[in-house]
Amino acid sequence: MAGHNKWSKVKHIKAKEDAKKGKLFTKAVRDITTAARAGGADPDANASLRLAIERARAVSMPAENIQRAIDKATGNLKGVNYEEHTYEGYGPGGVAIMVETMTDNKNRTVANIRHAFSKAGGSLGTGGSVAWMFEKKGVITVPRSEKDDEVMEVALEHGATDIQEYDEVLVIESEPSDFDDLLQAIEKIGVPILESSVGLVATNTIDVDDATAKRVEKLIETLEEDDDVQNVYHNMA
């Protein structure tokens, strides 16, 4: 029995590690797909894609997976036609949620998203129902360091529209047109880029209690687990 218990524990640990790696791969694929769709398939001309590829390699993603994500984003997968669709809705507590998808079967995708909203106590809305609460921005996240002042100075010189200071990170926003130039300027300082993408940012946020926040987070997690979902944005504070 002791041997059996040890093997059970090993299997449990391995399953947890596999699940963790799967989530890292899923995130890496989304980052690559988003970057390639926005700026093209050439990493030499697309700094965001180059960084997304570097992060994917850092978590040991195979080269063929990386290339497949790029091909999917740019429509180069033979025999498969992917379409982009964005869905809008309200989660628990009236939190506005935007879901960007890329799918080869719209009916399957919308059914899965509607089910996720309904199960969480939210509702899928019509086009434009919450989109007005968001605007497209470039967002770059870097860790706090002794170079904070230099990062902020360079960011402001290269088009940053807002810099949010948190305990562990700086979150830098820009207009989409300034994003690539800003990203390259920050790279040159030599600080790690934790996140970099052009996406939707809420123009105002909503406060909810802890219990509601957990339900919203569960809904977001469920949506992100769907293979067709590329990005999920919300306005929860």
C-alpha atoms as a PDB file:
ATOM      1  CA  MET A   1       0.000   0.000   0.000  1.00  0.00           C
ATOM      2  CA  ALA A   2       2.881   2.355   0.751  1.00  0.00           C
ATOM      3  CA  GLY A   3       4.129   1.961  -2.802  1.00  0.00           C
ATOM      4  CA  HIS A   4       0.624   2.525  -4.130  1.00  0.00           C
ATOM      5  CA  ASN A   5       0.219   5.700  -2.048  1.00  0.00           C
ATOM      6  CA  LYS A   6       3.575   7.004  -3.274  1.00  0.00           C
ATOM      7  CA  TRP A   7       2.629   6.362  -6.908  1.00  0.00           C
ATOM      8  CA  SER A   8      -0.742   8.053  -6.378  1.00  0.00           C
ATOM      9  CA  LYS A   9       1.043  11.096  -5.007  1.00  0.00           C
ATOM     10  CA  VAL A  10       3.477  11.117  -7.948  1.00  0.00           C
ATOM     11  CA  LYS A  11       0.597  10.886 -10.430  1.00  0.00           C
ATOM     12  CA  HIS A  12      -1.215  13.705  -8.622  1.00  0.00           C
ATOM     13  CA  ILE A  13       1.861  15.949  -8.727  1.00  0.00           C
ATOM     14  CA  LYS A  14       2.454  15.125 -12.388  1.00  0.00           C
ATOM     15  CA  ALA A  15      -1.178  15.903 -13.228  1.00  0.00           C
ATOM     16  CA  LYS A  16      -0.867  19.283 -11.494  1.00  0.00           C
ATOM     17  CA  GLU A  17       2.380  20.047 -13.348  1.00  0.00           C
ATOM     18  CA  ASP A  18       0.817  19.019 -16.681  1.00  0.00           C
ATOM     19  CA  ALA A  19      -2.183  21.256 -15.993  1.00  0.00           C
ATOM     20  CA  LYS A  20       0.131  24.139 -15.113  1.00  0.00           C
ATOM     21  CA  LYS A  21       2.146  23.640 -18.313  1.00  0.00           C
ATOM     22  CA  GLY A  22      -1.092  23.418 -20.305  1.00  0.00           C
ATOM     23  CA  LYS A  23      -2.209  26.795 -18.955  1.00  0.00           C
ATOM     24  CA  LEU A  24       1.184  28.333 -19.756  1.00  0.00           C
ATOM     25  CA  PHE A  25       0.987  26.964 -23.309  1.00  0.00           C
ATOM     26  CA  THR A  26      -2.572  28.239 -23.707  1.00  0.00           C
ATOM     27  CA  LYS A  27      -1.551  31.718 -22.605  1.00  0.00           C
ATOM     28  CA  ALA A  28       1.493  31.660 -24.877  1.00  0.00           C
ATOM     29  CA  VAL A  29      -0.641  30.663 -27.868  1.00  0.00           C
ATOM     30  CA  ARG A  30      -3.082  33.485 -27.148  1.00  0.00           C
ATOM     31  CA  ASP A  31      -0.267  36.029 -26.846  1.00  0.00           C
ATOM     32  CA  ILE A  32       1.281  34.882 -30.137  1.00  0.00           C
ATOM     33  CA  THR A  33      -2.054  34.812 -31.949  1.00  0.00           C
ATOM     34  CA  THR A  34      -3.061  38.264 -30.721  1.00  0.00           C
ATOM     35  CA  ALA A  35       0.321  39.762 -31.639  1.00  0.00           C
ATOM     36  CA  ALA A  36       0.439  38.155 -35.084  1.00  0.00           C
ATOM     37  CA  ARG A  37      -3.130  39.178 -35.865  1.00  0.00           C
ATOM     38  CA  ALA A  38      -2.416  42.778 -34.886  1.00  0.00           C
ATOM     39  CA  GLY A  39       1.049  43.279 -36.360  1.00  0.00           C
ATOM     40  CA  GLY A  40       1.735  40.538 -38.886  1.00  0.00           C
ATOM     41  CA  ALA A  41       3.653  37.259 -38.923  1.00  0.00           C
ATOM     42  CA  ASP A  42       7.195  38.648 -39.154  1.00  0.00           C
ATOM     43  CA  PRO A  43       8.745  38.872 -35.657  1.00  0.00           C
ATOM     44  CA  ASP A  44      11.512  41.135 -36.983  1.00  0.00           C
ATOM     45  CA  ALA A  45       8.896  43.731 -37.875  1.00  0.00           C
ATOM     46  CA  ASN A  46       6.532  42.963 -34.990  1.00  0.00           C
ATOM     47  CA  ALA A  47       8.152  43.513 -31.580  1.00  0.00           C
ATOM     48  CA  SER A  48       5.095  42.263 -29.713  1.00  0.00           C
ATOM     49  CA  LEU A  49       5.154  38.975 -31.634  1.00  0.00           C
ATOM     50  CA  ARG A  50       8.905  38.592 -31.079  1.00  0.00           C
ATOM     51  CA  LEU A  51       8.454  38.950 -27.322  1.00  0.00           C
ATOM     52  CA  ALA A  52       5.476  36.573 -27.322  1.00  0.00           C
ATOM     53  CA  ILE A  53       7.612  33.977 -29.121  1.00  0.00           C
ATOM     54  CA  GLU A  54      10.435  34.473 -26.608  1.00  0.00           C
ATOM     55  CA  ARG A  55       8.010  33.932 -23.710  1.00  0.00           C
ATOM     56  CA  ALA A  56       6.627  30.807 -25.414  1.00  0.00           C
ATOM     57  CA  ARG A  57      10.135  29.393 -25.794  1.00  0.00           C
ATOM     58  CA  ALA A  58      10.836  30.209 -22.139  1.00  0.00           C
ATOM     59  CA  VAL A  59       8.055  27.792 -21.117  1.00  0.00           C
ATOM     60  CA  SER A  60       9.407  25.157 -23.547  1.00  0.00           C
ATOM     61  CA  MET A  61       6.654  25.429 -26.135  1.00  0.00           C
ATOM     62  CA  PRO A  62       7.604  23.376 -29.239  1.00  0.00           C
ATOM     63  CA  ALA A  63       8.475  25.344 -32.379  1.00  0.00           C
ATOM     64  CA  GLU A  64       5.656  23.684 -34.343  1.00  0.00           C
ATOM     65  CA  ASN A  65       3.092  24.931 -31.798  1.00  0.00           C
ATOM     66  CA  ILE A  66       4.458  28.453 -32.112  1.00  0.00           C
ATOM     67  CA  GLN A  67       4.295  28.346 -35.913  1.00  0.00           C
ATOM     68  CA  ARG A  68       0.774  26.886 -35.832  1.00  0.00           C
ATOM     69  CA  ALA A  69      -0.405  29.771 -33.640  1.00  0.00           C
ATOM     70  CA  ILE A  70       1.086  32.283 -36.096  1.00  0.00           C
ATOM     71  CA  ASP A  71      -0.459  30.499 -39.079  1.00  0.00           C
ATOM     72  CA  LYS A  72      -3.850  30.415 -37.360  1.00  0.00           C
ATOM     73  CA  ALA A  73      -3.733  34.135 -36.674  1.00  0.00           C
ATOM     74  CA  THR A  74      -2.705  35.042 -40.226  1.00  0.00           C
ATOM     75  CA  GLY A  75      -5.031  32.599 -41.984  1.00  0.00           C
ATOM     76  CA  ASN A  76      -2.291  30.322 -43.313  1.00  0.00           C
ATOM     77  CA  LEU A  77      -3.613  27.016 -41.999  1.00  0.00           C
ATOM     78  CA  LYS A  78      -4.588  24.919 -45.011  1.00  0.00           C
ATOM     79  CA  GLY A  79      -8.146  23.674 -45.133  1.00  0.00           C
ATOM     80  CA  VAL A  80      -9.289  25.693 -42.119  1.00  0.00           C
ATOM     81  CA  ASN A  81     -11.070  29.027 -42.247  1.00  0.00           C
ATOM     82  CA  TYR A  82     -10.971  30.934 -38.972  1.00  0.00           C
ATOM     83  CA  GLU A  83     -13.226  33.908 -38.327  1.00  0.00           C
ATOM     84  CA  GLU A  84     -12.952  36.544 -35.606  1.00  0.00           C
ATOM     85  CA  HIS A  85     -16.014  37.334 -33.505  1.00  0.00           C
ATOM     86  CA  THR A  86     -16.406  39.470 -30.389  1.00  0.00           C
ATOM     87  CA  TYR A  87     -19.121  38.822 -27.814  1.00  0.00           C
ATOM     88  CA  GLU A  88     -20.377  41.143 -25.098  1.00  0.00           C
ATOM     89  CA  GLY A  89     -22.181  40.471 -21.890  1.00  0.00           C
ATOM     90  CA  TYR A  90     -22.663  41.070 -18.203  1.00  0.00           C
ATOM     91  CA  GLY A  91     -21.209  38.854 -15.512  1.00  0.00           C
ATOM     92  CA  PRO A  92     -22.251  38.608 -11.852  1.00  0.00           C
ATOM     93  CA  GLY A  93     -22.701  42.003 -10.197  1.00  0.00           C
ATOM     94  CA  GLY A  94     -23.208  43.744 -13.536  1.00  0.00           C
ATOM     95  CA  VAL A  95     -19.524  43.452 -14.511  1.00  0.00           C
ATOM     96  CA  ALA A  96     -19.094  44.203 -18.222  1.00  0.00           C
ATOM     97  CA  ILE A  97     -17.221  41.502 -20.153  1.00  0.00           C
ATOM     98  CA  MET A  98     -15.853  41.434 -23.699  1.00  0.00           C
ATOM     99  CA  VAL A  99     -14.823  38.117 -25.267  1.00  0.00           C
ATOM    100  CA  GLU A 100     -12.695  38.007 -28.418  1.00  0.00           C
ATOM    101  CA  THR A 101     -12.741  34.709 -30.297  1.00  0.00           C
ATOM    102  CA  MET A 102     -11.214  33.076 -33.347  1.00  0.00           C
ATOM    103  CA  THR A 103     -13.178  30.077 -34.539  1.00  0.00           C
ATOM    104  CA  ASP A 104     -13.906  27.734 -37.415  1.00  0.00           C
ATOM    105  CA  ASN A 105     -17.398  27.070 -36.026  1.00  0.00           C
ATOM    106  CA  LYS A 106     -19.303  30.145 -34.880  1.00  0.00           C
ATOM    107  CA  ASN A 107     -22.346  28.175 -33.685  1.00  0.00           C
ATOM    108  CA  ARG A 108     -20.225  26.053 -31.351  1.00  0.00           C
ATOM    109  CA  THR A 109     -18.403  29.080 -29.998  1.00  0.00           C
ATOM    110  CA  VAL A 110     -21.439  31.225 -29.258  1.00  0.00           C
ATOM    111  CA  ALA A 111     -23.210  28.271 -27.624  1.00  0.00           C
ATOM    112  CA  ASN A 112     -20.247  27.662 -25.312  1.00  0.00           C
ATOM    113  CA  ILE A 113     -19.956  31.345 -24.394  1.00  0.00           C
ATOM    114  CA  ARG A 114     -23.695  31.733 -23.772  1.00  0.00           C
ATOM    115  CA  HIS A 115     -23.627  28.644 -21.532  1.00  0.00           C
ATOM    116  CA  ALA A 116     -20.654  30.010 -19.545  1.00  0.00           C
ATOM    117  CA  PHE A 117     -22.407  33.341 -18.922  1.00  0.00           C
ATOM    118  CA  SER A 118     -25.684  31.657 -17.991  1.00  0.00           C
ATOM    119  CA  LYS A 119     -24.043  29.172 -15.614  1.00  0.00           C
ATOM    120  CA  ALA A 120     -22.260  32.026 -13.819  1.00  0.00           C
ATOM    121  CA  GLY A 121     -25.485  33.998 -13.371  1.00  0.00           C
ATOM    122  CA  GLY A 122     -24.636  36.491 -16.102  1.00  0.00           C
ATOM    123  CA  SER A 123     -26.050  37.077 -19.554  1.00  0.00           C
ATOM    124  CA  LEU A 124     -24.752  37.384 -23.099  1.00  0.00           C
ATOM    125  CA  GLY A 125     -25.697  40.756 -24.578  1.00  0.00           C
ATOM    126  CA  THR A 126     -26.167  42.187 -28.037  1.00  0.00           C
ATOM    127  CA  GLY A 127     -23.481  43.933 -30.066  1.00  0.00           C
ATOM    128  CA  GLY A 128     -22.667  47.321 -28.546  1.00  0.00           C
ATOM    129  CA  SER A 129     -24.219  46.577 -25.162  1.00  0.00           C
ATOM    130  CA  VAL A 130     -20.920  46.953 -23.279  1.00  0.00           C
ATOM    131  CA  ALA A 131     -18.369  47.832 -25.980  1.00  0.00           C
ATOM    132  CA  TRP A 132     -18.806  51.528 -25.225  1.00  0.00           C
ATOM    133  CA  MET A 133     -17.189  50.949 -21.820  1.00  0.00           C
ATOM    134  CA  PHE A 134     -13.872  49.908 -23.385  1.00  0.00           C
ATOM    135  CA  GLU A 135     -11.245  51.439 -25.633  1.00  0.00           C
ATOM    136  CA  LYS A 136      -8.333  49.885 -27.498  1.00  0.00           C
ATOM    137  CA  LYS A 137      -4.948  50.534 -25.911  1.00  0.00           C
ATOM    138  CA  GLY A 138      -1.425  49.221 -25.996  1.00  0.00           C
ATOM    139  CA  VAL A 139      -0.512  47.774 -22.585  1.00  0.00           C
ATOM    140  CA  ILE A 140       2.999  46.930 -21.396  1.00  0.00           C
ATOM    141  CA  THR A 141       3.741  45.483 -17.959  1.00  0.00           C
ATOM    142  CA  VAL A 142       7.235  45.522 -16.416  1.00  0.00           C
ATOM    143  CA  PRO A 143       8.469  44.619 -12.914  1.00  0.00           C
ATOM    144  CA  ARG A 144       9.329  47.359 -10.430  1.00  0.00           C
ATOM    145  CA  SER A 145      13.079  47.939 -10.136  1.00  0.00           C
ATOM    146  CA  GLU A 146      15.765  50.559  -9.589  1.00  0.00           C
ATOM    147  CA  LYS A 147      15.102  51.582 -13.200  1.00  0.00           C
ATOM    148  CA  ASP A 148      11.525  52.747 -12.521  1.00  0.00           C
ATOM    149  CA  ASP A 149      12.311  56.432 -13.067  1.00  0.00           C
ATOM    150  CA  GLU A 150      14.115  55.693 -16.333  1.00  0.00           C
ATOM    151  CA  VAL A 151      11.279  53.456 -17.530  1.00  0.00           C
ATOM    152  CA  MET A 152       8.670  56.126 -16.821  1.00  0.00           C
ATOM    153  CA  GLU A 153      10.728  58.875 -18.448  1.00  0.00           C
ATOM    154  CA  VAL A 154      11.334  56.854 -21.611  1.00  0.00           C
ATOM    155  CA  ALA A 155       7.707  55.714 -21.693  1.00  0.00           C
ATOM    156  CA  LEU A 156       6.408  59.277 -21.585  1.00  0.00           C
ATOM    157  CA  GLU A 157       8.866  60.292 -24.315  1.00  0.00           C
ATOM    158  CA  HIS A 158       7.573  57.518 -26.581  1.00  0.00           C
ATOM    159  CA  GLY A 159       3.832  57.987 -26.374  1.00  0.00           C
ATOM    160  CA  ALA A 160       2.697  56.559 -23.043  1.00  0.00           C
ATOM    161  CA  THR A 161      -0.717  57.940 -22.126  1.00  0.00           C
ATOM    162  CA  ASP A 162      -0.854  56.497 -18.606  1.00  0.00           C
ATOM    163  CA  ILE A 163       1.474  54.733 -16.161  1.00  0.00           C
ATOM    164  CA  GLN A 164      -0.073  52.834 -13.258  1.00  0.00           C
ATOM    165  CA  GLU A 165       2.187  52.021 -10.319  1.00  0.00           C
ATOM    166  CA  TYR A 166       1.498  48.856  -8.328  1.00  0.00           C
ATOM    167  CA  ASP A 167       3.534  47.153  -5.594  1.00  0.00           C
ATOM    168  CA  GLU A 168       5.307  44.770  -7.970  1.00  0.00           C
ATOM    169  CA  VAL A 169       4.760  46.110 -11.498  1.00  0.00           C
ATOM    170  CA  LEU A 170       4.362  49.187 -13.679  1.00  0.00           C
ATOM    171  CA  VAL A 171       1.529  49.064 -16.217  1.00  0.00           C
ATOM    172  CA  ILE A 172       2.107  51.394 -19.149  1.00  0.00           C
ATOM    173  CA  GLU A 173      -0.661  52.313 -21.597  1.00  0.00           C
ATOM    174  CA  SER A 174      -0.426  53.920 -25.027  1.00  0.00           C
ATOM    175  CA  GLU A 175      -2.430  54.510 -28.160  1.00  0.00           C
ATOM    176  CA  PRO A 176      -2.233  51.463 -30.476  1.00  0.00           C
ATOM    177  CA  SER A 177      -0.336  53.508 -33.091  1.00  0.00           C
ATOM    178  CA  ASP A 178       2.472  54.243 -30.582  1.00  0.00           C
ATOM    179  CA  PHE A 179       2.638  50.768 -29.081  1.00  0.00           C
ATOM    180  CA  ASP A 180       5.427  49.187 -31.133  1.00  0.00           C
ATOM    181  CA  ASP A 181       7.742  52.207 -30.836  1.00  0.00           C
ATOM    182  CA  LEU A 182       7.079  52.393 -27.082  1.00  0.00           C
ATOM    183  CA  LEU A 183       7.696  48.663 -26.638  1.00  0.00           C
ATOM    184  CA  GLN A 184      11.041  48.809 -28.430  1.00  0.00           C
ATOM    185  CA  ALA A 185      12.117  51.864 -26.412  1.00  0.00           C
ATOM    186  CA  ILE A 186      11.385  50.100 -23.111  1.00  0.00           C
ATOM    187  CA  GLU A 187      13.166  46.959 -24.316  1.00  0.00           C
ATOM    188  CA  LYS A 188      16.345  48.970 -24.843  1.00  0.00           C
ATOM    189  CA  ILE A 189      16.434  49.912 -21.147  1.00  0.00           C
ATOM    190  CA  GLY A 190      16.986  46.256 -20.331  1.00  0.00           C
ATOM    191  CA  VAL A 191      14.021  45.579 -18.058  1.00  0.00           C
ATOM    192  CA  PRO A 192      12.006  42.360 -18.538  1.00  0.00           C
ATOM    193  CA  ILE A 193       8.702  42.735 -20.396  1.00  0.00           C
ATOM    194  CA  LEU A 194       6.147  40.673 -18.465  1.00  0.00           C
ATOM    195  CA  GLU A 195       3.182  41.418 -20.731  1.00  0.00           C
ATOM    196  CA  SER A 196       2.793  43.345 -23.972  1.00  0.00           C
ATOM    197  CA  SER A 197      -0.287  43.536 -26.167  1.00  0.00           C
ATOM    198  CA  VAL A 198      -2.811  45.778 -27.833  1.00  0.00           C
ATOM    199  CA  GLY A 199      -6.208  45.101 -26.327  1.00  0.00           C
ATOM    200  CA  LEU A 200      -9.279  46.536 -24.673  1.00  0.00           C
ATOM    201  CA  VAL A 201      -9.058  48.602 -21.494  1.00  0.00           C
ATOM    202  CA  ALA A 202     -12.109  49.565 -19.422  1.00  0.00           C
ATOM    203  CA  THR A 203     -12.763  53.311 -19.359  1.00  0.00           C
ATOM    204  CA  ASN A 204     -14.364  52.966 -15.934  1.00  0.00           C
ATOM    205  CA  THR A 205     -14.489  50.165 -13.390  1.00  0.00           C
ATOM    206  CA  ILE A 206     -17.101  48.694 -11.087  1.00  0.00           C
ATOM    207  CA  ASP A 207     -16.593  47.606  -7.480  1.00  0.00           C
ATOM    208  CA  VAL A 208     -18.073  44.304  -6.306  1.00  0.00           C
ATOM    209  CA  ASP A 209     -17.861  42.373  -3.054  1.00  0.00           C
ATOM    210  CA  ASP A 210     -15.467  39.474  -2.571  1.00  0.00           C
ATOM    211  CA  ALA A 211     -18.061  36.770  -3.196  1.00  0.00           C
ATOM    212  CA  THR A 212     -19.155  38.375  -6.463  1.00  0.00           C
ATOM    213  CA  ALA A 213     -15.531  38.893  -7.513  1.00  0.00           C
ATOM    214  CA  LYS A 214     -14.881  35.163  -7.108  1.00  0.00           C
ATOM    215  CA  ARG A 215     -17.873  34.360  -9.317  1.00  0.00           C
ATOM    216  CA  VAL A 216     -16.651  36.790 -11.979  1.00  0.00           C
ATOM    217  CA  GLU A 217     -13.146  35.298 -11.817  1.00  0.00           C
ATOM    218  CA  LYS A 218     -14.620  31.810 -12.236  1.00  0.00           C
ATOM    219  CA  LEU A 219     -16.563  32.970 -15.297  1.00  0.00           C
ATOM    220  CA  ILE A 220     -13.420  34.517 -16.803  1.00  0.00           C
ATOM    221  CA  GLU A 221     -11.496  31.314 -16.109  1.00  0.00           C
ATOM    222  CA  THR A 222     -14.208  29.223 -17.788  1.00  0.00           C
ATOM    223  CA  LEU A 223     -14.215  31.474 -20.844  1.00  0.00           C
ATOM    224  CA  GLU A 224     -10.424  31.418 -21.132  1.00  0.00           C
ATOM    225  CA  GLU A 225     -10.414  27.620 -21.034  1.00  0.00           C
ATOM    226  CA  ASP A 226     -12.372  27.553 -24.307  1.00  0.00           C
ATOM    227  CA  ASP A 227     -10.000  26.887 -27.223  1.00  0.00           C
ATOM    228  CA  ASP A 228     -11.848  29.408 -29.422  1.00  0.00           C
ATOM    229  CA  VAL A 229     -11.441  32.283 -26.958  1.00  0.00           C
ATOM    230  CA  GLN A 230      -8.494  34.590 -27.584  1.00  0.00           C
ATOM    231  CA  ASN A 231      -8.964  37.321 -24.997  1.00  0.00           C
ATOM    232  CA  VAL A 232     -11.358  38.203 -22.177  1.00  0.00           C
ATOM    233  CA  TYR A 233     -11.651  41.795 -20.912  1.00  0.00           C
ATOM    234  CA  HIS A 234     -13.715  43.105 -17.995  1.00  0.00           C
ATOM    235  CA  ASN A 235     -14.315  46.282 -16.001  1.00  0.00           C
ATOM    236  CA  MET A 236     -14.168  44.801 -12.490  1.00  0.00           C
ATOM    237  CA  ALA A 237     -12.014  46.922 -10.211  1.00  0.00           C
END
